[in-house]
Amino acid sequence: MTVTFTLNGQPVTVDCPPETRLADILRDRLALIGTKIACSVGRCGACTVLVGGKAVNGCLIMAWQIENAEIVTVEGLDAHPLGPAISAGLEEESAFQCGYCAPGFSIALTALLTENPDAGEEEIRVGLEGNICRCTGYHSIIRGALNAARRIREQSLAIGD
């Protein structure tokens, strides 16, 4: 099948079987390797991307499901209105050790803070469920997420939203 969608703000057309996973399209056909494949069954969050503004597991979404979709990967996060604040907040708190899980956490946090910029620690913990870190632990990730949320609130106040 031929599938057409918007990826990080750019139109994309890909020819592939309809059962091709979005994560495989991104990595193998479009060379966007920020989307990681780890568990392949939707349990770890390493392949999280935004589809229509919602965080989804790229290993569970098939090509036939993304026709005309708007998709954002970690490579497109800097262009997202919240992306720089999220990246800076996580970096300042040294949120990740090896970084393998960082794209999935960053995308999940983007979806959460887009929907709820006033999210506190409990909402952040719930919003990041399904994302697994195998080396850092979660304290620094939660601190980084809270830092990002603070930055986003300050950014909104500075521009008068």
C-alpha atoms as a PDB file:
ATOM      1  CA  MET A   1       0.000   0.000   0.000  1.00  0.00           C
ATOM      2  CA  THR A   2       0.984   3.630  -0.318  1.00  0.00           C
ATOM      3  CA  VAL A   3       0.565   5.600   2.902  1.00  0.00           C
ATOM      4  CA  THR A   4       0.807   9.387   3.117  1.00  0.00           C
ATOM      5  CA  PHE A   5       1.198  11.282   6.378  1.00  0.00           C
ATOM      6  CA  THR A   6       2.854  14.330   7.905  1.00  0.00           C
ATOM      7  CA  LEU A   7       6.080  13.607   9.765  1.00  0.00           C
ATOM      8  CA  ASN A   8       7.686  16.321  11.858  1.00  0.00           C
ATOM      9  CA  GLY A   9       5.847  18.919   9.791  1.00  0.00           C
ATOM     10  CA  GLN A  10       6.769  17.479   6.374  1.00  0.00           C
ATOM     11  CA  PRO A  11       4.598  15.421   4.011  1.00  0.00           C
ATOM     12  CA  VAL A  12       5.796  11.848   3.577  1.00  0.00           C
ATOM     13  CA  THR A  13       4.702   9.008   1.305  1.00  0.00           C
ATOM     14  CA  VAL A  14       5.848   5.438   1.897  1.00  0.00           C
ATOM     15  CA  ASP A  15       5.144   2.220  -0.005  1.00  0.00           C
ATOM     16  CA  CYS A  16       4.930  -0.742   2.354  1.00  0.00           C
ATOM     17  CA  PRO A  17       2.734  -3.654   3.360  1.00  0.00           C
ATOM     18  CA  PRO A  18      -0.259  -2.457   5.436  1.00  0.00           C
ATOM     19  CA  GLU A  19       0.910  -4.462   8.476  1.00  0.00           C
ATOM     20  CA  THR A  20       4.273  -2.662   8.648  1.00  0.00           C
ATOM     21  CA  ARG A  21       4.763  -1.157  12.103  1.00  0.00           C
ATOM     22  CA  LEU A  22       5.143   2.607  12.356  1.00  0.00           C
ATOM     23  CA  ALA A  23       8.363   2.122  14.343  1.00  0.00           C
ATOM     24  CA  ASP A  24       9.814   0.095  11.462  1.00  0.00           C
ATOM     25  CA  ILE A  25       8.729   2.684   8.892  1.00  0.00           C
ATOM     26  CA  LEU A  26      10.458   5.402  10.906  1.00  0.00           C
ATOM     27  CA  ARG A  27      13.669   3.486  11.529  1.00  0.00           C
ATOM     28  CA  ASP A  28      14.107   1.294   8.461  1.00  0.00           C
ATOM     29  CA  ARG A  29      12.517   3.311   5.678  1.00  0.00           C
ATOM     30  CA  LEU A  30      13.007   6.896   6.872  1.00  0.00           C
ATOM     31  CA  ALA A  31      16.247   6.530   8.899  1.00  0.00           C
ATOM     32  CA  LEU A  32      14.788   8.210  11.991  1.00  0.00           C
ATOM     33  CA  ILE A  33      16.480   6.096  14.619  1.00  0.00           C
ATOM     34  CA  GLY A  34      15.450   8.134  17.660  1.00  0.00           C
ATOM     35  CA  THR A  35      12.385   5.936  17.902  1.00  0.00           C
ATOM     36  CA  LYS A  36      13.768   2.852  19.627  1.00  0.00           C
ATOM     37  CA  ILE A  37      12.474  -0.690  19.389  1.00  0.00           C
ATOM     38  CA  ALA A  38      12.915  -2.684  22.573  1.00  0.00           C
ATOM     39  CA  CYS A  39      10.046  -4.908  23.720  1.00  0.00           C
ATOM     40  CA  SER A  40       8.029  -4.775  20.450  1.00  0.00           C
ATOM     41  CA  VAL A  41       4.786  -5.384  22.367  1.00  0.00           C
ATOM     42  CA  GLY A  42       3.924  -1.924  23.719  1.00  0.00           C
ATOM     43  CA  ARG A  43       5.205  -2.396  27.254  1.00  0.00           C
ATOM     44  CA  CYS A  44       8.397  -0.326  27.446  1.00  0.00           C
ATOM     45  CA  GLY A  45       7.641   3.015  25.762  1.00  0.00           C
ATOM     46  CA  ALA A  46      10.931   3.200  23.850  1.00  0.00           C
ATOM     47  CA  CYS A  47       9.063   3.598  20.557  1.00  0.00           C
ATOM     48  CA  THR A  48       6.666   6.329  21.731  1.00  0.00           C
ATOM     49  CA  VAL A  49       5.734   8.939  19.113  1.00  0.00           C
ATOM     50  CA  LEU A  50       2.971  11.513  18.838  1.00  0.00           C
ATOM     51  CA  VAL A  51       0.156  10.647  16.451  1.00  0.00           C
ATOM     52  CA  GLY A  52      -2.406  13.407  16.262  1.00  0.00           C
ATOM     53  CA  GLY A  53      -0.922  14.878  19.431  1.00  0.00           C
ATOM     54  CA  LYS A  54      -1.365  11.690  21.454  1.00  0.00           C
ATOM     55  CA  ALA A  55       1.497   9.538  22.710  1.00  0.00           C
ATOM     56  CA  VAL A  56       1.327   6.070  21.140  1.00  0.00           C
ATOM     57  CA  ASN A  57       3.618   3.069  20.909  1.00  0.00           C
ATOM     58  CA  GLY A  58       5.039   2.993  17.396  1.00  0.00           C
ATOM     59  CA  CYS A  59       5.439  -0.786  17.634  1.00  0.00           C
ATOM     60  CA  LEU A  60       1.652  -1.191  17.922  1.00  0.00           C
ATOM     61  CA  ILE A  61       0.554   1.175  15.128  1.00  0.00           C
ATOM     62  CA  MET A  62       0.431  -0.256  11.614  1.00  0.00           C
ATOM     63  CA  ALA A  63       0.872   1.533   8.297  1.00  0.00           C
ATOM     64  CA  TRP A  64      -2.822   1.260   7.463  1.00  0.00           C
ATOM     65  CA  GLN A  65      -3.587   3.286  10.629  1.00  0.00           C
ATOM     66  CA  ILE A  66      -1.452   6.329   9.809  1.00  0.00           C
ATOM     67  CA  GLU A  67      -2.971   7.499   6.526  1.00  0.00           C
ATOM     68  CA  ASN A  68      -3.217  11.332   6.740  1.00  0.00           C
ATOM     69  CA  ALA A  69      -1.963  11.295  10.343  1.00  0.00           C
ATOM     70  CA  GLU A  70       0.236  13.976  11.855  1.00  0.00           C
ATOM     71  CA  ILE A  71       3.227  12.267  13.460  1.00  0.00           C
ATOM     72  CA  VAL A  72       5.983  13.784  15.593  1.00  0.00           C
ATOM     73  CA  THR A  73       9.096  11.849  16.567  1.00  0.00           C
ATOM     74  CA  VAL A  74      11.865  12.856  18.924  1.00  0.00           C
ATOM     75  CA  GLU A  75      13.734  14.238  15.889  1.00  0.00           C
ATOM     76  CA  GLY A  76      10.901  16.771  15.461  1.00  0.00           C
ATOM     77  CA  LEU A  77      10.626  17.700  19.117  1.00  0.00           C
ATOM     78  CA  ASP A  78      12.774  20.846  18.861  1.00  0.00           C
ATOM     79  CA  ALA A  79      10.205  22.336  16.469  1.00  0.00           C
ATOM     80  CA  HIS A  80       7.317  21.520  18.840  1.00  0.00           C
ATOM     81  CA  PRO A  81       6.260  24.539  20.943  1.00  0.00           C
ATOM     82  CA  LEU A  82       7.089  22.683  24.185  1.00  0.00           C
ATOM     83  CA  GLY A  83      10.100  20.767  22.902  1.00  0.00           C
ATOM     84  CA  PRO A  84      12.918  23.104  23.927  1.00  0.00           C
ATOM     85  CA  ALA A  85      11.539  23.509  27.469  1.00  0.00           C
ATOM     86  CA  ILE A  86      11.140  19.753  27.843  1.00  0.00           C
ATOM     87  CA  SER A  87      14.642  19.038  26.560  1.00  0.00           C
ATOM     88  CA  ALA A  88      16.175  21.728  28.774  1.00  0.00           C
ATOM     89  CA  GLY A  89      14.274  20.584  31.867  1.00  0.00           C
ATOM     90  CA  LEU A  90      15.337  16.981  31.453  1.00  0.00           C
ATOM     91  CA  GLU A  91      18.924  17.875  30.595  1.00  0.00           C
ATOM     92  CA  GLU A  92      19.329  20.223  33.561  1.00  0.00           C
ATOM     93  CA  GLU A  93      18.362  17.417  35.933  1.00  0.00           C
ATOM     94  CA  SER A  94      20.564  14.832  34.161  1.00  0.00           C
ATOM     95  CA  ALA A  95      17.399  12.799  33.762  1.00  0.00           C
ATOM     96  CA  PHE A  96      18.919   9.962  31.747  1.00  0.00           C
ATOM     97  CA  GLN A  97      22.027   7.855  31.970  1.00  0.00           C
ATOM     98  CA  CYS A  98      22.381   5.843  28.755  1.00  0.00           C
ATOM     99  CA  GLY A  99      19.615   7.701  26.902  1.00  0.00           C
ATOM    100  CA  TYR A 100      17.944   4.701  25.264  1.00  0.00           C
ATOM    101  CA  CYS A 101      14.617   5.490  26.930  1.00  0.00           C
ATOM    102  CA  ALA A 102      14.966   9.279  26.616  1.00  0.00           C
ATOM    103  CA  PRO A 103      13.064   9.676  23.312  1.00  0.00           C
ATOM    104  CA  GLY A 104      10.032   7.784  24.599  1.00  0.00           C
ATOM    105  CA  PHE A 105       9.960   9.653  27.902  1.00  0.00           C
ATOM    106  CA  SER A 106      10.413  12.995  26.117  1.00  0.00           C
ATOM    107  CA  ILE A 107       7.541  12.326  23.715  1.00  0.00           C
ATOM    108  CA  ALA A 108       5.240  11.052  26.503  1.00  0.00           C
ATOM    109  CA  LEU A 109       6.044  14.142  28.562  1.00  0.00           C
ATOM    110  CA  THR A 110       5.312  16.368  25.567  1.00  0.00           C
ATOM    111  CA  ALA A 111       1.863  14.805  25.165  1.00  0.00           C
ATOM    112  CA  LEU A 112       1.155  15.157  28.873  1.00  0.00           C
ATOM    113  CA  LEU A 113       2.294  18.779  29.225  1.00  0.00           C
ATOM    114  CA  THR A 114       0.525  19.808  26.029  1.00  0.00           C
ATOM    115  CA  GLU A 115      -2.711  18.543  27.543  1.00  0.00           C
ATOM    116  CA  ASN A 116      -1.956  19.622  31.124  1.00  0.00           C
ATOM    117  CA  PRO A 117       0.817  22.224  31.508  1.00  0.00           C
ATOM    118  CA  ASP A 118      -0.005  22.465  35.223  1.00  0.00           C
ATOM    119  CA  ALA A 119       0.731  18.779  35.832  1.00  0.00           C
ATOM    120  CA  GLY A 120       2.245  18.062  39.224  1.00  0.00           C
ATOM    121  CA  GLU A 121       4.289  15.100  40.326  1.00  0.00           C
ATOM    122  CA  GLU A 122       1.360  12.667  40.581  1.00  0.00           C
ATOM    123  CA  GLU A 123       0.041  13.547  37.109  1.00  0.00           C
ATOM    124  CA  ILE A 124       3.545  13.279  35.693  1.00  0.00           C
ATOM    125  CA  ARG A 125       4.044   9.846  37.242  1.00  0.00           C
ATOM    126  CA  VAL A 126       0.748   8.666  35.750  1.00  0.00           C
ATOM    127  CA  GLY A 127       1.517  10.299  32.379  1.00  0.00           C
ATOM    128  CA  LEU A 128       4.858   8.537  32.142  1.00  0.00           C
ATOM    129  CA  GLU A 129       3.529   5.086  33.058  1.00  0.00           C
ATOM    130  CA  GLY A 130       4.385   2.612  30.349  1.00  0.00           C
ATOM    131  CA  ASN A 131       7.847   4.104  29.837  1.00  0.00           C
ATOM    132  CA  ILE A 132      10.607   1.986  31.323  1.00  0.00           C
ATOM    133  CA  CYS A 133      14.119   3.083  32.246  1.00  0.00           C
ATOM    134  CA  ARG A 134      16.517   0.259  32.901  1.00  0.00           C
ATOM    135  CA  CYS A 135      19.540   2.184  34.183  1.00  0.00           C
ATOM    136  CA  THR A 136      18.866   5.636  35.646  1.00  0.00           C
ATOM    137  CA  GLY A 137      15.913   4.981  37.897  1.00  0.00           C
ATOM    138  CA  TYR A 138      13.053   7.394  37.976  1.00  0.00           C
ATOM    139  CA  HIS A 139      13.966  10.105  40.509  1.00  0.00           C
ATOM    140  CA  SER A 140      16.009  12.159  38.061  1.00  0.00           C
ATOM    141  CA  ILE A 141      13.411  11.670  35.317  1.00  0.00           C
ATOM    142  CA  ILE A 142      10.630  12.943  37.596  1.00  0.00           C
ATOM    143  CA  ARG A 143      12.797  15.917  38.667  1.00  0.00           C
ATOM    144  CA  GLY A 144      13.486  16.682  35.007  1.00  0.00           C
ATOM    145  CA  ALA A 145       9.796  16.410  34.120  1.00  0.00           C
ATOM    146  CA  LEU A 146       8.855  18.763  36.980  1.00  0.00           C
ATOM    147  CA  ASN A 147      11.571  21.163  35.811  1.00  0.00           C
ATOM    148  CA  ALA A 148      10.175  21.031  32.265  1.00  0.00           C
ATOM    149  CA  ALA A 149       6.640  21.669  33.537  1.00  0.00           C
ATOM    150  CA  ARG A 150       7.898  24.682  35.516  1.00  0.00           C
ATOM    151  CA  ARG A 151       9.672  26.034  32.432  1.00  0.00           C
ATOM    152  CA  ILE A 152       6.517  25.641  30.334  1.00  0.00           C
ATOM    153  CA  ARG A 153       4.404  27.475  32.926  1.00  0.00           C
ATOM    154  CA  GLU A 154       6.962  30.284  33.073  1.00  0.00           C
ATOM    155  CA  GLN A 155       7.086  30.428  29.269  1.00  0.00           C
ATOM    156  CA  SER A 156       3.291  30.710  29.128  1.00  0.00           C
ATOM    157  CA  LEU A 157       3.289  33.506  31.703  1.00  0.00           C
ATOM    158  CA  ALA A 158       6.029  35.357  29.815  1.00  0.00           C
ATOM    159  CA  ILE A 159       4.046  35.388  26.570  1.00  0.00           C
ATOM    160  CA  GLY A 160       0.735  36.144  28.301  1.00  0.00           C
ATOM    161  CA  ASP A 161      -1.184  32.907  27.730  1.00  0.00           C
END
